[in-house]
């Protein structure tokens, strides 16, 4: 997220939206701009970059909800509901590198009190509540909302165009969660094999400390751990545990990744690995050229809907009776 907080003049915001051919109600846009300015003037010094982003993005998200056709219930039944704007911004947080999955999201956010404060939350909603929210609103709503959100965040200078591409993945991941909620995953092993046979990991080697052979703290080859992390991301698994469980149930995939026969690492293996090596985003950078060539060669690759291509298919579980 952009760290410098300089809200551009309204004329600049309008010009940026016009350039990107984004149409937004002028009155709603003016109210939004004033609200963002008010929030900026009252930001606590204790906020980190993410908390500042969330606080400034909140009034923008509220306007995007209206733009996308969401109107909060006038007389909600039961406990006061979580603010919808906060829930949508949580989906943006879920795309960040440090957050492994939607299931980890509540714990991740609850460990940052200033983020909760910025979102006007006492605690983060549970994974179950987020799932019900996605199911209720549906994929089309998410696409409308995030299309408006990414353009407005760019126009207000809160993210760059490059960072906005990350936000684009939020509705894709959300819709993928909707599609897989009651399904069991399968992988296209042929495509997976093709990728791992053609992908040369060596350009990333200089970013890692030298390997000194297997040890008690690292009994698995580094290349296998790298392939697993790629598989976890490209396969769109709901959690790391589900990806590891998939390897246990499919020894042939475990072998493609490069782990010894019958041996599947546990979560602490990757927690330790990620703590002592560069982030996934850093070590994948030298491999981007190869990945682009690979996916460009696939006739069934749709860059607007990448998740289904990334080896994943779903089988519906039949309900009893």
C-alpha atoms as a PDB file:
ATOM      1  CA  UNK A   1       0.000   0.000   0.000  1.00  0.00           C
ATOM      2  CA  UNK A   2       1.135   3.524  -0.594  1.00  0.00           C
ATOM      3  CA  UNK A   3       2.883   4.873   2.505  1.00  0.00           C
ATOM      4  CA  UNK A   4       2.767   8.612   1.711  1.00  0.00           C
ATOM      5  CA  UNK A   5      -0.599  10.111   2.610  1.00  0.00           C
ATOM      6  CA  UNK A   6      -1.346  12.935   0.218  1.00  0.00           C
ATOM      7  CA  UNK A   7      -4.973  13.054  -0.842  1.00  0.00           C
ATOM      8  CA  UNK A   8      -5.114  14.642  -4.316  1.00  0.00           C
ATOM      9  CA  UNK A   9      -7.521  17.506  -5.086  1.00  0.00           C
ATOM     10  CA  UNK A  10     -11.011  16.578  -6.229  1.00  0.00           C
ATOM     11  CA  UNK A  11     -10.200  17.734  -9.765  1.00  0.00           C
ATOM     12  CA  UNK A  12      -7.318  15.259  -9.922  1.00  0.00           C
ATOM     13  CA  UNK A  13      -9.533  12.421  -8.673  1.00  0.00           C
ATOM     14  CA  UNK A  14     -12.136  13.225 -11.320  1.00  0.00           C
ATOM     15  CA  UNK A  15      -9.489  13.395 -14.046  1.00  0.00           C
ATOM     16  CA  UNK A  16      -8.047  10.012 -13.069  1.00  0.00           C
ATOM     17  CA  UNK A  17     -11.477   8.383 -13.061  1.00  0.00           C
ATOM     18  CA  UNK A  18     -12.314   9.943 -16.414  1.00  0.00           C
ATOM     19  CA  UNK A  19      -9.016   8.731 -17.867  1.00  0.00           C
ATOM     20  CA  UNK A  20      -9.835   5.185 -16.748  1.00  0.00           C
ATOM     21  CA  UNK A  21     -13.425   5.560 -18.006  1.00  0.00           C
ATOM     22  CA  UNK A  22     -14.890   5.052 -14.547  1.00  0.00           C
ATOM     23  CA  UNK A  23     -18.315   6.544 -13.921  1.00  0.00           C
ATOM     24  CA  UNK A  24     -19.265   7.435 -10.354  1.00  0.00           C
ATOM     25  CA  UNK A  25     -22.117   9.538  -8.962  1.00  0.00           C
ATOM     26  CA  UNK A  26     -20.691  13.088  -8.492  1.00  0.00           C
ATOM     27  CA  UNK A  27     -22.501  13.694  -5.203  1.00  0.00           C
ATOM     28  CA  UNK A  28     -21.330  10.382  -3.747  1.00  0.00           C
ATOM     29  CA  UNK A  29     -17.796  11.113  -4.932  1.00  0.00           C
ATOM     30  CA  UNK A  30     -17.769  14.545  -3.277  1.00  0.00           C
ATOM     31  CA  UNK A  31     -19.027  13.142   0.045  1.00  0.00           C
ATOM     32  CA  UNK A  32     -16.410  10.400  -0.149  1.00  0.00           C
ATOM     33  CA  UNK A  33     -13.593  12.894  -0.780  1.00  0.00           C
ATOM     34  CA  UNK A  34     -14.658  15.011   2.211  1.00  0.00           C
ATOM     35  CA  UNK A  35     -14.848  11.927   4.452  1.00  0.00           C
ATOM     36  CA  UNK A  36     -11.357  10.816   3.425  1.00  0.00           C
ATOM     37  CA  UNK A  37      -9.997  14.284   4.206  1.00  0.00           C
ATOM     38  CA  UNK A  38     -11.622  14.188   7.659  1.00  0.00           C
ATOM     39  CA  UNK A  39     -10.129  10.774   8.389  1.00  0.00           C
ATOM     40  CA  UNK A  40      -6.693  11.926   7.230  1.00  0.00           C
ATOM     41  CA  UNK A  41      -6.825  14.912   9.601  1.00  0.00           C
ATOM     42  CA  UNK A  42      -7.518  12.670  12.599  1.00  0.00           C
ATOM     43  CA  UNK A  43      -5.184   9.712  11.969  1.00  0.00           C
ATOM     44  CA  UNK A  44      -3.493   8.620  15.224  1.00  0.00           C
ATOM     45  CA  UNK A  45       0.313   8.679  15.277  1.00  0.00           C
ATOM     46  CA  UNK A  46       0.283   5.056  16.473  1.00  0.00           C
ATOM     47  CA  UNK A  47      -1.110   3.764  13.162  1.00  0.00           C
ATOM     48  CA  UNK A  48       1.253   1.794  10.957  1.00  0.00           C
ATOM     49  CA  UNK A  49       1.070   1.959   7.154  1.00  0.00           C
ATOM     50  CA  UNK A  50      -1.603  -0.737   6.925  1.00  0.00           C
ATOM     51  CA  UNK A  51      -3.788   0.872   9.600  1.00  0.00           C
ATOM     52  CA  UNK A  52      -3.533   4.239   7.815  1.00  0.00           C
ATOM     53  CA  UNK A  53      -4.513   2.611   4.543  1.00  0.00           C
ATOM     54  CA  UNK A  54      -7.509   0.850   6.107  1.00  0.00           C
ATOM     55  CA  UNK A  55      -8.724   4.017   7.824  1.00  0.00           C
ATOM     56  CA  UNK A  56      -8.508   6.105   4.640  1.00  0.00           C
ATOM     57  CA  UNK A  57      -9.960   3.338   2.477  1.00  0.00           C
ATOM     58  CA  UNK A  58     -12.961   2.777   4.759  1.00  0.00           C
ATOM     59  CA  UNK A  59     -15.096   5.730   3.502  1.00  0.00           C
ATOM     60  CA  UNK A  60     -14.157   4.757  -0.059  1.00  0.00           C
ATOM     61  CA  UNK A  61     -15.312   1.202   0.580  1.00  0.00           C
ATOM     62  CA  UNK A  62     -18.575   2.511   2.047  1.00  0.00           C
ATOM     63  CA  UNK A  63     -19.234   4.468  -1.154  1.00  0.00           C
ATOM     64  CA  UNK A  64     -18.331   1.447  -3.289  1.00  0.00           C
ATOM     65  CA  UNK A  65     -20.896  -0.633  -1.409  1.00  0.00           C
ATOM     66  CA  UNK A  66     -23.622   1.804  -2.406  1.00  0.00           C
ATOM     67  CA  UNK A  67     -22.250   1.949  -5.952  1.00  0.00           C
ATOM     68  CA  UNK A  68     -22.374  -1.864  -6.168  1.00  0.00           C
ATOM     69  CA  UNK A  69     -25.955  -1.985  -4.875  1.00  0.00           C
ATOM     70  CA  UNK A  70     -25.503  -2.897  -1.221  1.00  0.00           C
ATOM     71  CA  UNK A  71     -27.729  -1.217   1.355  1.00  0.00           C
ATOM     72  CA  UNK A  72     -27.442  -2.192   5.050  1.00  0.00           C
ATOM     73  CA  UNK A  73     -30.615  -3.437   6.755  1.00  0.00           C
ATOM     74  CA  UNK A  74     -32.490  -0.651   8.560  1.00  0.00           C
ATOM     75  CA  UNK A  75     -33.437  -2.776  11.558  1.00  0.00           C
ATOM     76  CA  UNK A  76     -30.982  -5.668  11.874  1.00  0.00           C
ATOM     77  CA  UNK A  77     -32.084  -8.552  14.076  1.00  0.00           C
ATOM     78  CA  UNK A  78     -29.829  -9.823  16.855  1.00  0.00           C
ATOM     79  CA  UNK A  79     -26.346  -8.519  17.590  1.00  0.00           C
ATOM     80  CA  UNK A  80     -25.116  -5.412  15.756  1.00  0.00           C
ATOM     81  CA  UNK A  81     -23.680  -6.575  12.417  1.00  0.00           C
ATOM     82  CA  UNK A  82     -20.056  -6.112  11.413  1.00  0.00           C
ATOM     83  CA  UNK A  83     -19.654  -3.061   9.146  1.00  0.00           C
ATOM     84  CA  UNK A  84     -19.844  -4.248   5.544  1.00  0.00           C
ATOM     85  CA  UNK A  85     -17.045  -1.857   4.513  1.00  0.00           C
ATOM     86  CA  UNK A  86     -14.740  -3.460   7.078  1.00  0.00           C
ATOM     87  CA  UNK A  87     -15.597  -6.939   5.809  1.00  0.00           C
ATOM     88  CA  UNK A  88     -14.796  -5.971   2.226  1.00  0.00           C
ATOM     89  CA  UNK A  89     -11.471  -4.433   3.242  1.00  0.00           C
ATOM     90  CA  UNK A  90     -10.650  -7.630   5.114  1.00  0.00           C
ATOM     91  CA  UNK A  91     -10.853  -9.386   1.754  1.00  0.00           C
ATOM     92  CA  UNK A  92      -8.210  -6.994   0.483  1.00  0.00           C
ATOM     93  CA  UNK A  93      -6.008  -7.860   3.470  1.00  0.00           C
ATOM     94  CA  UNK A  94      -6.442 -11.549   2.699  1.00  0.00           C
ATOM     95  CA  UNK A  95      -4.478 -11.093  -0.546  1.00  0.00           C
ATOM     96  CA  UNK A  96      -1.382  -9.881   1.289  1.00  0.00           C
ATOM     97  CA  UNK A  97       1.667 -12.123   1.531  1.00  0.00           C
ATOM     98  CA  UNK A  98       1.641 -12.531   5.324  1.00  0.00           C
ATOM     99  CA  UNK A  99      -1.952 -13.791   5.354  1.00  0.00           C
ATOM    100  CA  UNK A 100      -2.068 -17.416   4.278  1.00  0.00           C
ATOM    101  CA  UNK A 101      -5.812 -17.913   3.866  1.00  0.00           C
ATOM    102  CA  UNK A 102      -9.279 -16.663   4.782  1.00  0.00           C
ATOM    103  CA  UNK A 103      -9.263 -19.108   7.679  1.00  0.00           C
ATOM    104  CA  UNK A 104      -6.167 -17.459   9.106  1.00  0.00           C
ATOM    105  CA  UNK A 105      -7.511 -13.953   8.472  1.00  0.00           C
ATOM    106  CA  UNK A 106      -9.384 -13.369  11.790  1.00  0.00           C
ATOM    107  CA  UNK A 107      -6.328 -14.366  13.842  1.00  0.00           C
ATOM    108  CA  UNK A 108      -4.083 -12.282  11.605  1.00  0.00           C
ATOM    109  CA  UNK A 109      -6.219  -9.146  11.996  1.00  0.00           C
ATOM    110  CA  UNK A 110      -6.941  -9.624  15.710  1.00  0.00           C
ATOM    111  CA  UNK A 111      -3.187  -9.583  16.346  1.00  0.00           C
ATOM    112  CA  UNK A 112      -3.072  -5.965  15.080  1.00  0.00           C
ATOM    113  CA  UNK A 113      -5.179  -3.732  17.388  1.00  0.00           C
ATOM    114  CA  UNK A 114      -4.618  -0.607  15.293  1.00  0.00           C
ATOM    115  CA  UNK A 115      -6.059  -2.369  12.240  1.00  0.00           C
ATOM    116  CA  UNK A 116      -9.197  -3.220  14.203  1.00  0.00           C
ATOM    117  CA  UNK A 117      -9.470   0.381  15.333  1.00  0.00           C
ATOM    118  CA  UNK A 118      -9.031   1.643  11.778  1.00  0.00           C
ATOM    119  CA  UNK A 119     -11.839  -0.654  10.624  1.00  0.00           C
ATOM    120  CA  UNK A 120     -14.137   0.287  13.551  1.00  0.00           C
ATOM    121  CA  UNK A 121     -14.056  -3.300  14.811  1.00  0.00           C
ATOM    122  CA  UNK A 122     -13.654  -4.718  18.322  1.00  0.00           C
ATOM    123  CA  UNK A 123     -12.626  -8.048  16.847  1.00  0.00           C
ATOM    124  CA  UNK A 124     -12.472  -9.553  13.377  1.00  0.00           C
ATOM    125  CA  UNK A 125     -15.429 -11.599  12.112  1.00  0.00           C
ATOM    126  CA  UNK A 126     -14.918 -15.349  12.049  1.00  0.00           C
ATOM    127  CA  UNK A 127     -14.101 -17.308   8.923  1.00  0.00           C
ATOM    128  CA  UNK A 128     -17.641 -18.736   9.055  1.00  0.00           C
ATOM    129  CA  UNK A 129     -19.138 -15.249   9.118  1.00  0.00           C
ATOM    130  CA  UNK A 130     -16.990 -14.149   6.163  1.00  0.00           C
ATOM    131  CA  UNK A 131     -18.088 -17.245   4.255  1.00  0.00           C
ATOM    132  CA  UNK A 132     -21.788 -16.492   4.891  1.00  0.00           C
ATOM    133  CA  UNK A 133     -21.235 -12.886   3.796  1.00  0.00           C
ATOM    134  CA  UNK A 134     -19.654 -14.009   0.497  1.00  0.00           C
ATOM    135  CA  UNK A 135     -22.427 -16.515  -0.118  1.00  0.00           C
ATOM    136  CA  UNK A 136     -25.138 -13.944   0.570  1.00  0.00           C
ATOM    137  CA  UNK A 137     -23.755 -11.267  -1.756  1.00  0.00           C
ATOM    138  CA  UNK A 138     -22.438 -13.522  -4.507  1.00  0.00           C
ATOM    139  CA  UNK A 139     -19.716 -13.308  -7.125  1.00  0.00           C
ATOM    140  CA  UNK A 140     -21.277 -10.578  -9.305  1.00  0.00           C
ATOM    141  CA  UNK A 141     -21.443  -8.182  -6.379  1.00  0.00           C
ATOM    142  CA  UNK A 142     -17.794  -8.789  -5.495  1.00  0.00           C
ATOM    143  CA  UNK A 143     -16.738  -8.065  -9.058  1.00  0.00           C
ATOM    144  CA  UNK A 144     -18.715  -4.793  -9.163  1.00  0.00           C
ATOM    145  CA  UNK A 145     -17.438  -3.681  -5.778  1.00  0.00           C
ATOM    146  CA  UNK A 146     -13.759  -4.396  -6.349  1.00  0.00           C
ATOM    147  CA  UNK A 147     -13.759  -2.896  -9.826  1.00  0.00           C
ATOM    148  CA  UNK A 148     -14.972   0.375  -8.287  1.00  0.00           C
ATOM    149  CA  UNK A 149     -12.677   0.063  -5.268  1.00  0.00           C
ATOM    150  CA  UNK A 150      -9.448  -0.485  -7.199  1.00  0.00           C
ATOM    151  CA  UNK A 151     -10.124   2.507  -9.471  1.00  0.00           C
ATOM    152  CA  UNK A 152     -10.979   4.794  -6.578  1.00  0.00           C
ATOM    153  CA  UNK A 153      -7.977   3.726  -4.494  1.00  0.00           C
ATOM    154  CA  UNK A 154      -5.741   4.562  -7.448  1.00  0.00           C
ATOM    155  CA  UNK A 155      -7.532   7.876  -8.047  1.00  0.00           C
ATOM    156  CA  UNK A 156      -7.125   8.834  -4.370  1.00  0.00           C
ATOM    157  CA  UNK A 157      -3.452   7.878  -4.417  1.00  0.00           C
ATOM    158  CA  UNK A 158      -3.798   5.163  -1.765  1.00  0.00           C
ATOM    159  CA  UNK A 159      -2.369   2.482  -4.045  1.00  0.00           C
ATOM    160  CA  UNK A 160      -0.369   2.458  -7.256  1.00  0.00           C
ATOM    161  CA  UNK A 161      -1.543   0.807 -10.470  1.00  0.00           C
ATOM    162  CA  UNK A 162       0.806  -2.100  -9.733  1.00  0.00           C
ATOM    163  CA  UNK A 163      -0.581  -2.549  -6.222  1.00  0.00           C
ATOM    164  CA  UNK A 164      -4.108  -2.367  -7.617  1.00  0.00           C
ATOM    165  CA  UNK A 165      -3.422  -5.597  -9.503  1.00  0.00           C
ATOM    166  CA  UNK A 166      -3.171  -7.340  -6.128  1.00  0.00           C
ATOM    167  CA  UNK A 167      -6.568  -5.970  -5.146  1.00  0.00           C
ATOM    168  CA  UNK A 168      -7.958  -7.380  -8.394  1.00  0.00           C
ATOM    169  CA  UNK A 169      -7.319 -10.869  -7.025  1.00  0.00           C
ATOM    170  CA  UNK A 170      -9.626 -10.361  -4.031  1.00  0.00           C
ATOM    171  CA  UNK A 171     -12.906 -11.026  -5.878  1.00  0.00           C
ATOM    172  CA  UNK A 172     -11.289 -13.902  -7.764  1.00  0.00           C
ATOM    173  CA  UNK A 173     -10.167 -15.540  -4.538  1.00  0.00           C
ATOM    174  CA  UNK A 174     -13.546 -14.846  -2.935  1.00  0.00           C
ATOM    175  CA  UNK A 175     -15.459 -16.374  -5.837  1.00  0.00           C
ATOM    176  CA  UNK A 176     -13.102 -19.341  -5.847  1.00  0.00           C
ATOM    177  CA  UNK A 177     -13.892 -19.856  -2.167  1.00  0.00           C
ATOM    178  CA  UNK A 178     -17.589 -19.763  -3.031  1.00  0.00           C
ATOM    179  CA  UNK A 179     -17.120 -22.353  -5.735  1.00  0.00           C
ATOM    180  CA  UNK A 180     -15.023 -24.669  -3.574  1.00  0.00           C
ATOM    181  CA  UNK A 181     -16.888 -24.317  -0.297  1.00  0.00           C
ATOM    182  CA  UNK A 182     -18.640 -27.688  -0.716  1.00  0.00           C
ATOM    183  CA  UNK A 183     -16.194 -29.320  -3.070  1.00  0.00           C
ATOM    184  CA  UNK A 184     -13.112 -31.499  -2.867  1.00  0.00           C
ATOM    185  CA  UNK A 185     -10.088 -30.446  -4.866  1.00  0.00           C
ATOM    186  CA  UNK A 186      -8.429 -32.287  -7.710  1.00  0.00           C
ATOM    187  CA  UNK A 187      -5.348 -31.228  -9.640  1.00  0.00           C
ATOM    188  CA  UNK A 188      -4.584 -31.572 -13.312  1.00  0.00           C
ATOM    189  CA  UNK A 189      -1.437 -33.601 -12.726  1.00  0.00           C
ATOM    190  CA  UNK A 190      -0.364 -33.451 -16.363  1.00  0.00           C
ATOM    191  CA  UNK A 191      -0.226 -29.642 -16.344  1.00  0.00           C
ATOM    192  CA  UNK A 192       1.415 -29.670 -12.954  1.00  0.00           C
ATOM    193  CA  UNK A 193       4.076 -32.068 -14.213  1.00  0.00           C
ATOM    194  CA  UNK A 194       4.598 -29.952 -17.318  1.00  0.00           C
ATOM    195  CA  UNK A 195       5.114 -26.828 -15.219  1.00  0.00           C
ATOM    196  CA  UNK A 196       7.574 -28.372 -12.777  1.00  0.00           C
ATOM    197  CA  UNK A 197       9.521 -30.080 -15.578  1.00  0.00           C
ATOM    198  CA  UNK A 198       9.967 -26.806 -17.475  1.00  0.00           C
ATOM    199  CA  UNK A 199      10.417 -24.399 -14.537  1.00  0.00           C
ATOM    200  CA  UNK A 200      14.068 -23.763 -13.687  1.00  0.00           C
ATOM    201  CA  UNK A 201      14.372 -22.556 -10.094  1.00  0.00           C
ATOM    202  CA  UNK A 202      18.099 -21.787 -10.295  1.00  0.00           C
ATOM    203  CA  UNK A 203      17.702 -18.062 -11.216  1.00  0.00           C
ATOM    204  CA  UNK A 204      16.397 -17.572  -7.662  1.00  0.00           C
ATOM    205  CA  UNK A 205      19.322 -19.395  -6.018  1.00  0.00           C
ATOM    206  CA  UNK A 206      21.373 -16.242  -5.275  1.00  0.00           C
ATOM    207  CA  UNK A 207      18.548 -14.996  -3.051  1.00  0.00           C
ATOM    208  CA  UNK A 208      18.839 -17.986  -0.704  1.00  0.00           C
ATOM    209  CA  UNK A 209      21.563 -18.903   1.791  1.00  0.00           C
ATOM    210  CA  UNK A 210      23.759 -21.790   0.547  1.00  0.00           C
ATOM    211  CA  UNK A 211      22.373 -25.240   1.172  1.00  0.00           C
ATOM    212  CA  UNK A 212      24.536 -27.317   3.491  1.00  0.00           C
ATOM    213  CA  UNK A 213      22.893 -30.674   3.000  1.00  0.00           C
ATOM    214  CA  UNK A 214      19.981 -32.088   4.919  1.00  0.00           C
ATOM    215  CA  UNK A 215      19.799 -31.523   8.650  1.00  0.00           C
ATOM    216  CA  UNK A 216      17.343 -32.130  11.453  1.00  0.00           C
ATOM    217  CA  UNK A 217      15.979 -28.631  10.990  1.00  0.00           C
ATOM    218  CA  UNK A 218      15.628 -29.013   7.205  1.00  0.00           C
ATOM    219  CA  UNK A 219      15.274 -32.635   6.051  1.00  0.00           C
ATOM    220  CA  UNK A 220      13.627 -31.712   2.742  1.00  0.00           C
ATOM    221  CA  UNK A 221      15.213 -30.252  -0.422  1.00  0.00           C
ATOM    222  CA  UNK A 222      14.769 -26.503  -0.765  1.00  0.00           C
ATOM    223  CA  UNK A 223      13.549 -26.901  -4.366  1.00  0.00           C
ATOM    224  CA  UNK A 224      10.743 -29.186  -3.173  1.00  0.00           C
ATOM    225  CA  UNK A 225       9.663 -26.632  -0.590  1.00  0.00           C
ATOM    226  CA  UNK A 226       9.697 -23.922  -3.260  1.00  0.00           C
ATOM    227  CA  UNK A 227       7.565 -26.063  -5.571  1.00  0.00           C
ATOM    228  CA  UNK A 228       5.106 -26.725  -2.758  1.00  0.00           C
ATOM    229  CA  UNK A 229       4.721 -22.988  -2.051  1.00  0.00           C
ATOM    230  CA  UNK A 230       4.090 -22.415  -5.765  1.00  0.00           C
ATOM    231  CA  UNK A 231       1.563 -25.257  -5.787  1.00  0.00           C
ATOM    232  CA  UNK A 232      -0.172 -23.806  -2.721  1.00  0.00           C
ATOM    233  CA  UNK A 233      -0.551 -20.421  -4.427  1.00  0.00           C
ATOM    234  CA  UNK A 234      -1.323 -21.581  -7.963  1.00  0.00           C
ATOM    235  CA  UNK A 235      -3.707 -24.266  -6.754  1.00  0.00           C
ATOM    236  CA  UNK A 236      -5.666 -21.753  -4.701  1.00  0.00           C
ATOM    237  CA  UNK A 237      -5.986 -24.034  -1.679  1.00  0.00           C
ATOM    238  CA  UNK A 238      -8.173 -22.698   1.109  1.00  0.00           C
ATOM    239  CA  UNK A 239      -5.402 -23.250   3.652  1.00  0.00           C
ATOM    240  CA  UNK A 240      -1.891 -24.652   3.923  1.00  0.00           C
ATOM    241  CA  UNK A 241      -3.231 -27.587   5.867  1.00  0.00           C
ATOM    242  CA  UNK A 242      -5.546 -28.507   2.999  1.00  0.00           C
ATOM    243  CA  UNK A 243      -2.612 -28.401   0.556  1.00  0.00           C
ATOM    244  CA  UNK A 244      -0.515 -30.689   2.763  1.00  0.00           C
ATOM    245  CA  UNK A 245      -3.475 -33.001   3.256  1.00  0.00           C
ATOM    246  CA  UNK A 246      -3.823 -33.172  -0.524  1.00  0.00           C
ATOM    247  CA  UNK A 247      -0.205 -34.350  -0.798  1.00  0.00           C
ATOM    248  CA  UNK A 248      -0.878 -37.054   1.795  1.00  0.00           C
ATOM    249  CA  UNK A 249      -3.851 -38.323  -0.181  1.00  0.00           C
ATOM    250  CA  UNK A 250      -2.100 -38.081  -3.551  1.00  0.00           C
ATOM    251  CA  UNK A 251       1.428 -39.553  -3.338  1.00  0.00           C
ATOM    252  CA  UNK A 252       1.934 -38.999  -7.073  1.00  0.00           C
ATOM    253  CA  UNK A 253       1.560 -35.234  -6.589  1.00  0.00           C
ATOM    254  CA  UNK A 254       3.867 -35.351  -3.568  1.00  0.00           C
ATOM    255  CA  UNK A 255       6.429 -37.019  -5.838  1.00  0.00           C
ATOM    256  CA  UNK A 256       5.992 -34.342  -8.531  1.00  0.00           C
ATOM    257  CA  UNK A 257       6.688 -31.654  -5.940  1.00  0.00           C
ATOM    258  CA  UNK A 258       9.902 -33.456  -5.005  1.00  0.00           C
ATOM    259  CA  UNK A 259       9.395 -34.742  -1.471  1.00  0.00           C
ATOM    260  CA  UNK A 260      10.680 -38.263  -0.645  1.00  0.00           C
ATOM    261  CA  UNK A 261       8.254 -41.140  -1.162  1.00  0.00           C
ATOM    262  CA  UNK A 262       5.802 -41.384   1.682  1.00  0.00           C
ATOM    263  CA  UNK A 263       7.098 -38.255   3.392  1.00  0.00           C
ATOM    264  CA  UNK A 264       4.942 -35.131   3.587  1.00  0.00           C
ATOM    265  CA  UNK A 265       6.258 -32.161   5.599  1.00  0.00           C
ATOM    266  CA  UNK A 266       4.214 -30.554   8.359  1.00  0.00           C
ATOM    267  CA  UNK A 267       3.218 -26.905   8.661  1.00  0.00           C
ATOM    268  CA  UNK A 268       6.127 -26.021  11.015  1.00  0.00           C
ATOM    269  CA  UNK A 269       8.539 -27.033   8.245  1.00  0.00           C
ATOM    270  CA  UNK A 270       7.273 -24.189   6.075  1.00  0.00           C
ATOM    271  CA  UNK A 271       6.891 -21.758   8.962  1.00  0.00           C
ATOM    272  CA  UNK A 272      10.611 -22.212   9.701  1.00  0.00           C
ATOM    273  CA  UNK A 273      11.536 -22.097   6.006  1.00  0.00           C
ATOM    274  CA  UNK A 274       9.642 -18.863   5.310  1.00  0.00           C
ATOM    275  CA  UNK A 275      11.096 -17.255   8.411  1.00  0.00           C
ATOM    276  CA  UNK A 276      14.673 -17.765   7.191  1.00  0.00           C
ATOM    277  CA  UNK A 277      14.404 -17.130   3.441  1.00  0.00           C
ATOM    278  CA  UNK A 278      13.163 -14.261   1.234  1.00  0.00           C
ATOM    279  CA  UNK A 279       9.420 -13.876   0.761  1.00  0.00           C
ATOM    280  CA  UNK A 280       7.638 -15.759  -2.006  1.00  0.00           C
ATOM    281  CA  UNK A 281       7.142 -12.522  -3.937  1.00  0.00           C
ATOM    282  CA  UNK A 282      10.911 -11.880  -3.872  1.00  0.00           C
ATOM    283  CA  UNK A 283      12.174 -15.270  -5.004  1.00  0.00           C
ATOM    284  CA  UNK A 284       9.462 -15.695  -7.640  1.00  0.00           C
ATOM    285  CA  UNK A 285      10.514 -12.441  -9.316  1.00  0.00           C
ATOM    286  CA  UNK A 286      13.483 -14.029 -11.193  1.00  0.00           C
ATOM    287  CA  UNK A 287      11.111 -16.770 -12.407  1.00  0.00           C
ATOM    288  CA  UNK A 288       8.396 -14.499 -13.799  1.00  0.00           C
ATOM    289  CA  UNK A 289       9.704 -14.678 -17.360  1.00  0.00           C
ATOM    290  CA  UNK A 290       9.495 -18.471 -17.384  1.00  0.00           C
ATOM    291  CA  UNK A 291       6.008 -18.431 -15.884  1.00  0.00           C
ATOM    292  CA  UNK A 292       4.794 -15.944 -18.500  1.00  0.00           C
ATOM    293  CA  UNK A 293       6.142 -18.148 -21.307  1.00  0.00           C
ATOM    294  CA  UNK A 294       4.524 -21.235 -19.784  1.00  0.00           C
ATOM    295  CA  UNK A 295       1.072 -19.727 -19.349  1.00  0.00           C
ATOM    296  CA  UNK A 296       1.144 -17.942 -22.696  1.00  0.00           C
ATOM    297  CA  UNK A 297       1.686 -21.355 -24.280  1.00  0.00           C
ATOM    298  CA  UNK A 298      -1.494 -22.732 -22.724  1.00  0.00           C
ATOM    299  CA  UNK A 299      -4.468 -22.418 -25.047  1.00  0.00           C
ATOM    300  CA  UNK A 300      -6.983 -22.623 -22.199  1.00  0.00           C
ATOM    301  CA  UNK A 301      -5.452 -19.924 -20.025  1.00  0.00           C
ATOM    302  CA  UNK A 302      -7.814 -17.018 -19.300  1.00  0.00           C
ATOM    303  CA  UNK A 303      -5.951 -14.116 -17.687  1.00  0.00           C
ATOM    304  CA  UNK A 304      -9.253 -12.657 -16.466  1.00  0.00           C
ATOM    305  CA  UNK A 305     -10.107 -15.839 -14.567  1.00  0.00           C
ATOM    306  CA  UNK A 306      -6.804 -17.465 -13.599  1.00  0.00           C
ATOM    307  CA  UNK A 307      -7.815 -19.556 -10.609  1.00  0.00           C
ATOM    308  CA  UNK A 308      -9.664 -22.313 -12.539  1.00  0.00           C
ATOM    309  CA  UNK A 309      -6.704 -22.771 -14.874  1.00  0.00           C
ATOM    310  CA  UNK A 310      -4.208 -23.240 -12.097  1.00  0.00           C
ATOM    311  CA  UNK A 311      -4.679 -27.004 -12.069  1.00  0.00           C
ATOM    312  CA  UNK A 312      -7.769 -26.874  -9.879  1.00  0.00           C
ATOM    313  CA  UNK A 313     -11.091 -28.564 -10.503  1.00  0.00           C
ATOM    314  CA  UNK A 314     -13.791 -29.340  -7.952  1.00  0.00           C
ATOM    315  CA  UNK A 315     -15.938 -32.342  -7.260  1.00  0.00           C
ATOM    316  CA  UNK A 316     -19.195 -31.637  -5.486  1.00  0.00           C
ATOM    317  CA  UNK A 317     -19.835 -33.695  -2.401  1.00  0.00           C
ATOM    318  CA  UNK A 318     -23.302 -35.143  -2.496  1.00  0.00           C
ATOM    319  CA  UNK A 319     -25.350 -34.265   0.579  1.00  0.00           C
ATOM    320  CA  UNK A 320     -26.875 -37.161   2.542  1.00  0.00           C
ATOM    321  CA  UNK A 321     -30.261 -38.194   1.227  1.00  0.00           C
END
